[in-house]
Amino acid sequence: MKIKPDDQWQWYYDDTHERIMLDLANGMVFRSHFAPRLLAPYARCHSPFSVDDAALFVIFDEQIKKLNIPAQQCAELTLNALIASRFLKPQMPKSWYFSLCCSMTKPAQGQIVDVVLDNTRQRSCFIVAEAGENASLCLLVDPELQLNDRTMSFCDPIKIMNDRLLSRKSIQRSLLMGKAV
């Protein structure tokens, strides 16, 4: 499913589904992944899809296309990352799940990163929806991630300290040099 930003797109909150929706102006409507408790109060307002939204859409879309996931999931992840960056409430970091790696200072918005679970050493893939100086809001790219006390699903958000994020470039460089990450 290939979608392209349009000046006819509209954001709105659907009370029936309790989700932010994006009217794609061609008979299609996208329903966000995020429960109402995660949304900022202004998320319930009707608003047009802005130029800033379109620019951020392109950033997310370009990075997500590099992943080996189906086109429909690419579109879903792109739109949910955009919604997360625009409409989610601020969160506290939950970095205790992940190992300290110190490979990254501040990631770029839209960057694809890996984290390593502290208890199992399992590596998981995320996209940075909102980059902060010390911690970043990330969405899970993998289908599922089992944490100590809960299971995350595709597109679930979590704020992670930047010193737990592994850049995909640094991972590839380490592997080429024969170093374990």
C-alpha atoms as a PDB file:
ATOM      1  CA  MET A   1       0.000   0.000   0.000  1.00  0.00           C
ATOM      2  CA  LYS A   2       1.762   3.158  -1.211  1.00  0.00           C
ATOM      3  CA  ILE A   3       0.438   6.414   0.194  1.00  0.00           C
ATOM      4  CA  LYS A   4       1.592   9.938  -0.501  1.00  0.00           C
ATOM      5  CA  PRO A   5       0.838  13.040   1.620  1.00  0.00           C
ATOM      6  CA  ASP A   6      -1.961  15.231   0.311  1.00  0.00           C
ATOM      7  CA  ASP A   7      -3.238  18.683   1.313  1.00  0.00           C
ATOM      8  CA  GLN A   8      -6.733  17.160   1.601  1.00  0.00           C
ATOM      9  CA  TRP A   9      -5.770  14.853   4.464  1.00  0.00           C
ATOM     10  CA  GLN A  10      -7.429  15.611   7.829  1.00  0.00           C
ATOM     11  CA  TRP A  11      -6.730  14.549  11.410  1.00  0.00           C
ATOM     12  CA  TYR A  12      -9.671  13.870  13.704  1.00  0.00           C
ATOM     13  CA  TYR A  13     -10.553  11.913  16.816  1.00  0.00           C
ATOM     14  CA  ASP A  14     -13.151   9.160  16.460  1.00  0.00           C
ATOM     15  CA  ASP A  15     -15.132   8.692  19.686  1.00  0.00           C
ATOM     16  CA  THR A  16     -16.525   5.325  18.555  1.00  0.00           C
ATOM     17  CA  HIS A  17     -13.100   3.738  18.021  1.00  0.00           C
ATOM     18  CA  GLU A  18     -11.377   5.988  20.581  1.00  0.00           C
ATOM     19  CA  ARG A  19      -8.484   6.598  18.210  1.00  0.00           C
ATOM     20  CA  ILE A  20      -6.943   9.386  16.193  1.00  0.00           C
ATOM     21  CA  MET A  21      -7.919   8.945  12.580  1.00  0.00           C
ATOM     22  CA  LEU A  22      -6.372  10.301   9.405  1.00  0.00           C
ATOM     23  CA  ASP A  23      -8.818  10.859   6.567  1.00  0.00           C
ATOM     24  CA  LEU A  24      -6.729  10.174   3.474  1.00  0.00           C
ATOM     25  CA  ALA A  25      -9.311  11.982   1.294  1.00  0.00           C
ATOM     26  CA  ASN A  26      -9.678   9.102  -1.177  1.00  0.00           C
ATOM     27  CA  GLY A  27     -12.258   7.073   0.698  1.00  0.00           C
ATOM     28  CA  MET A  28      -9.590   5.609   2.974  1.00  0.00           C
ATOM     29  CA  VAL A  29      -9.217   6.331   6.674  1.00  0.00           C
ATOM     30  CA  PHE A  30      -6.251   5.317   8.808  1.00  0.00           C
ATOM     31  CA  ARG A  31      -6.916   4.404  12.467  1.00  0.00           C
ATOM     32  CA  SER A  32      -4.013   4.989  14.827  1.00  0.00           C
ATOM     33  CA  HIS A  33      -2.590   2.359  17.124  1.00  0.00           C
ATOM     34  CA  PHE A  34      -2.665   4.457  20.307  1.00  0.00           C
ATOM     35  CA  ALA A  35      -5.164   4.172  23.162  1.00  0.00           C
ATOM     36  CA  PRO A  36      -6.804   7.381  24.447  1.00  0.00           C
ATOM     37  CA  ARG A  37      -4.803   7.310  27.710  1.00  0.00           C
ATOM     38  CA  LEU A  38      -1.604   7.880  25.686  1.00  0.00           C
ATOM     39  CA  LEU A  39      -2.930  10.925  23.812  1.00  0.00           C
ATOM     40  CA  ALA A  40      -2.401  14.581  24.650  1.00  0.00           C
ATOM     41  CA  PRO A  41      -5.652  16.578  25.172  1.00  0.00           C
ATOM     42  CA  TYR A  42      -5.245  18.461  21.876  1.00  0.00           C
ATOM     43  CA  ALA A  43      -5.326  15.122  20.004  1.00  0.00           C
ATOM     44  CA  ARG A  44      -9.137  15.246  20.141  1.00  0.00           C
ATOM     45  CA  CYS A  45      -9.284  18.304  17.861  1.00  0.00           C
ATOM     46  CA  HIS A  46      -9.935  18.259  14.130  1.00  0.00           C
ATOM     47  CA  SER A  47      -6.970  19.622  12.148  1.00  0.00           C
ATOM     48  CA  PRO A  48      -5.567  19.604   8.626  1.00  0.00           C
ATOM     49  CA  PHE A  49      -2.509  17.588   7.661  1.00  0.00           C
ATOM     50  CA  SER A  50       0.164  20.293   7.714  1.00  0.00           C
ATOM     51  CA  VAL A  51       3.311  20.954   5.694  1.00  0.00           C
ATOM     52  CA  ASP A  52       5.288  19.946   8.801  1.00  0.00           C
ATOM     53  CA  ASP A  53       3.318  16.681   8.936  1.00  0.00           C
ATOM     54  CA  ALA A  54       4.155  16.024   5.282  1.00  0.00           C
ATOM     55  CA  ALA A  55       7.869  16.716   5.850  1.00  0.00           C
ATOM     56  CA  LEU A  56       7.967  14.376   8.834  1.00  0.00           C
ATOM     57  CA  PHE A  57       5.988  11.752   6.884  1.00  0.00           C
ATOM     58  CA  VAL A  58       8.749  11.783   4.239  1.00  0.00           C
ATOM     59  CA  ILE A  59      11.497  11.401   6.875  1.00  0.00           C
ATOM     60  CA  PHE A  60       9.779   8.394   8.474  1.00  0.00           C
ATOM     61  CA  ASP A  61       8.810   6.861   5.126  1.00  0.00           C
ATOM     62  CA  GLU A  62      12.366   7.049   3.729  1.00  0.00           C
ATOM     63  CA  GLN A  63      13.854   5.312   6.766  1.00  0.00           C
ATOM     64  CA  ILE A  64      11.139   2.677   7.073  1.00  0.00           C
ATOM     65  CA  LYS A  65      11.479   1.721   3.398  1.00  0.00           C
ATOM     66  CA  LYS A  66      14.982   0.464   4.260  1.00  0.00           C
ATOM     67  CA  LEU A  67      13.490  -2.183   6.537  1.00  0.00           C
ATOM     68  CA  ASN A  68      12.565  -5.628   5.312  1.00  0.00           C
ATOM     69  CA  ILE A  69       8.852  -5.409   6.165  1.00  0.00           C
ATOM     70  CA  PRO A  70       5.728  -5.580   3.943  1.00  0.00           C
ATOM     71  CA  ALA A  71       4.476  -2.355   2.304  1.00  0.00           C
ATOM     72  CA  GLN A  72       1.297  -2.309   4.399  1.00  0.00           C
ATOM     73  CA  GLN A  73       3.338  -2.452   7.615  1.00  0.00           C
ATOM     74  CA  CYS A  74       5.629   0.287   6.269  1.00  0.00           C
ATOM     75  CA  ALA A  75       2.610   2.566   5.780  1.00  0.00           C
ATOM     76  CA  GLU A  76       1.212   1.662   9.219  1.00  0.00           C
ATOM     77  CA  LEU A  77       4.544   2.295  10.952  1.00  0.00           C
ATOM     78  CA  THR A  78       5.071   5.588   9.089  1.00  0.00           C
ATOM     79  CA  LEU A  79       1.665   6.966  10.062  1.00  0.00           C
ATOM     80  CA  ASN A  80       1.867   5.724  13.655  1.00  0.00           C
ATOM     81  CA  ALA A  81       5.339   7.267  14.056  1.00  0.00           C
ATOM     82  CA  LEU A  82       3.945  10.550  12.762  1.00  0.00           C
ATOM     83  CA  ILE A  83       0.987  10.351  15.163  1.00  0.00           C
ATOM     84  CA  ALA A  84       3.287   9.466  18.078  1.00  0.00           C
ATOM     85  CA  SER A  85       5.516  12.458  17.413  1.00  0.00           C
ATOM     86  CA  ARG A  86       2.561  14.804  17.118  1.00  0.00           C
ATOM     87  CA  PHE A  87      -0.154  13.565  19.494  1.00  0.00           C
ATOM     88  CA  LEU A  88       1.250  11.407  22.314  1.00  0.00           C
ATOM     89  CA  LYS A  89       1.587  12.691  25.879  1.00  0.00           C
ATOM     90  CA  PRO A  90       5.126  13.026  27.221  1.00  0.00           C
ATOM     91  CA  GLN A  91       6.339   9.798  28.801  1.00  0.00           C
ATOM     92  CA  MET A  92       8.943   8.913  31.378  1.00  0.00           C
ATOM     93  CA  PRO A  93      11.779   6.707  30.106  1.00  0.00           C
ATOM     94  CA  LYS A  94      11.504   2.988  30.808  1.00  0.00           C
ATOM     95  CA  SER A  95      15.128   2.182  30.101  1.00  0.00           C
ATOM     96  CA  TRP A  96      15.569  -0.428  32.839  1.00  0.00           C
ATOM     97  CA  TYR A  97      14.487  -3.070  30.317  1.00  0.00           C
ATOM     98  CA  PHE A  98      17.475  -2.382  28.067  1.00  0.00           C
ATOM     99  CA  SER A  99      21.250  -2.733  28.329  1.00  0.00           C
ATOM    100  CA  LEU A 100      23.487   0.304  28.513  1.00  0.00           C
ATOM    101  CA  CYS A 101      25.551   0.563  25.340  1.00  0.00           C
ATOM    102  CA  CYS A 102      26.725   4.196  25.186  1.00  0.00           C
ATOM    103  CA  SER A 103      26.962   4.189  21.385  1.00  0.00           C
ATOM    104  CA  MET A 104      24.611   7.090  20.724  1.00  0.00           C
ATOM    105  CA  THR A 105      24.192  10.617  22.003  1.00  0.00           C
ATOM    106  CA  LYS A 106      21.077  12.075  20.374  1.00  0.00           C
ATOM    107  CA  PRO A 107      19.526  10.057  17.542  1.00  0.00           C
ATOM    108  CA  ALA A 108      17.813  11.624  14.554  1.00  0.00           C
ATOM    109  CA  GLN A 109      14.052  11.633  14.312  1.00  0.00           C
ATOM    110  CA  GLY A 110      13.079   8.703  12.097  1.00  0.00           C
ATOM    111  CA  GLN A 111      16.315   6.833  12.745  1.00  0.00           C
ATOM    112  CA  ILE A 112      16.088   3.051  12.934  1.00  0.00           C
ATOM    113  CA  VAL A 113      17.814   1.807  16.094  1.00  0.00           C
ATOM    114  CA  ASP A 114      18.321  -1.418  17.991  1.00  0.00           C
ATOM    115  CA  VAL A 115      18.192  -2.055  21.706  1.00  0.00           C
ATOM    116  CA  VAL A 116      19.354  -5.076  23.668  1.00  0.00           C
ATOM    117  CA  LEU A 117      17.118  -6.486  26.395  1.00  0.00           C
ATOM    118  CA  ASP A 118      18.940  -6.480  29.698  1.00  0.00           C
ATOM    119  CA  ASN A 119      17.624  -9.856  30.907  1.00  0.00           C
ATOM    120  CA  THR A 120      17.857 -11.970  27.720  1.00  0.00           C
ATOM    121  CA  ARG A 121      20.359 -10.079  25.535  1.00  0.00           C
ATOM    122  CA  GLN A 122      17.757 -10.254  22.729  1.00  0.00           C
ATOM    123  CA  ARG A 123      18.093  -7.456  20.176  1.00  0.00           C
ATOM    124  CA  SER A 124      14.985  -5.544  19.036  1.00  0.00           C
ATOM    125  CA  CYS A 125      14.384  -2.925  16.377  1.00  0.00           C
ATOM    126  CA  PHE A 126      12.714   0.466  16.961  1.00  0.00           C
ATOM    127  CA  ILE A 127      12.146   3.713  15.069  1.00  0.00           C
ATOM    128  CA  VAL A 128      12.754   7.032  16.807  1.00  0.00           C
ATOM    129  CA  ALA A 129       9.450   8.919  16.640  1.00  0.00           C
ATOM    130  CA  GLU A 130      10.684  11.850  18.717  1.00  0.00           C
ATOM    131  CA  ALA A 131      14.350  12.465  19.499  1.00  0.00           C
ATOM    132  CA  GLY A 132      15.282  14.074  22.808  1.00  0.00           C
ATOM    133  CA  GLU A 133      18.583  15.202  24.300  1.00  0.00           C
ATOM    134  CA  ASN A 134      18.701  12.342  26.823  1.00  0.00           C
ATOM    135  CA  ALA A 135      15.799  10.033  25.919  1.00  0.00           C
ATOM    136  CA  SER A 136      13.761   9.356  22.797  1.00  0.00           C
ATOM    137  CA  LEU A 137      10.238   8.162  22.101  1.00  0.00           C
ATOM    138  CA  CYS A 138      10.513   4.993  20.027  1.00  0.00           C
ATOM    139  CA  LEU A 139       8.031   2.650  18.338  1.00  0.00           C
ATOM    140  CA  LEU A 140       8.612  -1.085  18.135  1.00  0.00           C
ATOM    141  CA  VAL A 141       9.322  -2.289  14.593  1.00  0.00           C
ATOM    142  CA  ASP A 142       9.456  -5.988  15.466  1.00  0.00           C
ATOM    143  CA  PRO A 143       6.163  -7.929  15.580  1.00  0.00           C
ATOM    144  CA  GLU A 144       6.498  -8.506  19.327  1.00  0.00           C
ATOM    145  CA  LEU A 145       8.865  -7.953  22.237  1.00  0.00           C
ATOM    146  CA  GLN A 146       8.591  -9.752  25.567  1.00  0.00           C
ATOM    147  CA  LEU A 147       9.643  -7.534  28.471  1.00  0.00           C
ATOM    148  CA  ASN A 148       9.826  -8.669  32.109  1.00  0.00           C
ATOM    149  CA  ASP A 149       6.325  -7.475  32.981  1.00  0.00           C
ATOM    150  CA  ARG A 150       4.535  -7.052  29.651  1.00  0.00           C
ATOM    151  CA  THR A 151       4.553  -7.785  25.968  1.00  0.00           C
ATOM    152  CA  MET A 152       5.000  -5.030  23.401  1.00  0.00           C
ATOM    153  CA  SER A 153       3.471  -5.279  19.927  1.00  0.00           C
ATOM    154  CA  PHE A 154       4.283  -3.713  16.546  1.00  0.00           C
ATOM    155  CA  CYS A 155       4.058   0.123  16.808  1.00  0.00           C
ATOM    156  CA  ASP A 156       3.863   0.187  20.623  1.00  0.00           C
ATOM    157  CA  PRO A 157       5.606   3.287  22.013  1.00  0.00           C
ATOM    158  CA  ILE A 158       8.241   3.420  24.745  1.00  0.00           C
ATOM    159  CA  LYS A 159      10.614   6.156  25.801  1.00  0.00           C
ATOM    160  CA  ILE A 160      14.210   4.947  26.031  1.00  0.00           C
ATOM    161  CA  MET A 161      17.351   6.686  27.275  1.00  0.00           C
ATOM    162  CA  ASN A 162      19.623   7.438  24.317  1.00  0.00           C
ATOM    163  CA  ASP A 163      22.553   5.580  25.932  1.00  0.00           C
ATOM    164  CA  ARG A 164      20.584   2.351  25.358  1.00  0.00           C
ATOM    165  CA  LEU A 165      20.071   2.921  21.618  1.00  0.00           C
ATOM    166  CA  LEU A 166      22.366   1.266  19.090  1.00  0.00           C
ATOM    167  CA  SER A 167      22.724   2.930  15.729  1.00  0.00           C
ATOM    168  CA  ARG A 168      22.268   0.508  12.847  1.00  0.00           C
ATOM    169  CA  LYS A 169      25.401   2.009  11.218  1.00  0.00           C
ATOM    170  CA  SER A 170      27.552   1.322  14.288  1.00  0.00           C
ATOM    171  CA  ILE A 171      26.248  -2.266  14.417  1.00  0.00           C
ATOM    172  CA  GLN A 172      27.123  -2.860  10.758  1.00  0.00           C
ATOM    173  CA  ARG A 173      30.559  -1.243  11.218  1.00  0.00           C
ATOM    174  CA  SER A 174      31.277  -3.431  14.291  1.00  0.00           C
ATOM    175  CA  LEU A 175      30.227  -6.568  12.459  1.00  0.00           C
ATOM    176  CA  LEU A 176      32.488  -5.701   9.526  1.00  0.00           C
ATOM    177  CA  MET A 177      35.393  -5.191  11.920  1.00  0.00           C
ATOM    178  CA  GLY A 178      34.642  -8.540  13.598  1.00  0.00           C
ATOM    179  CA  LYS A 179      33.577  -7.037  16.926  1.00  0.00           C
ATOM    180  CA  ALA A 180      30.614  -8.297  18.932  1.00  0.00           C
ATOM    181  CA  VAL A 181      27.976  -5.714  19.772  1.00  0.00           C
END
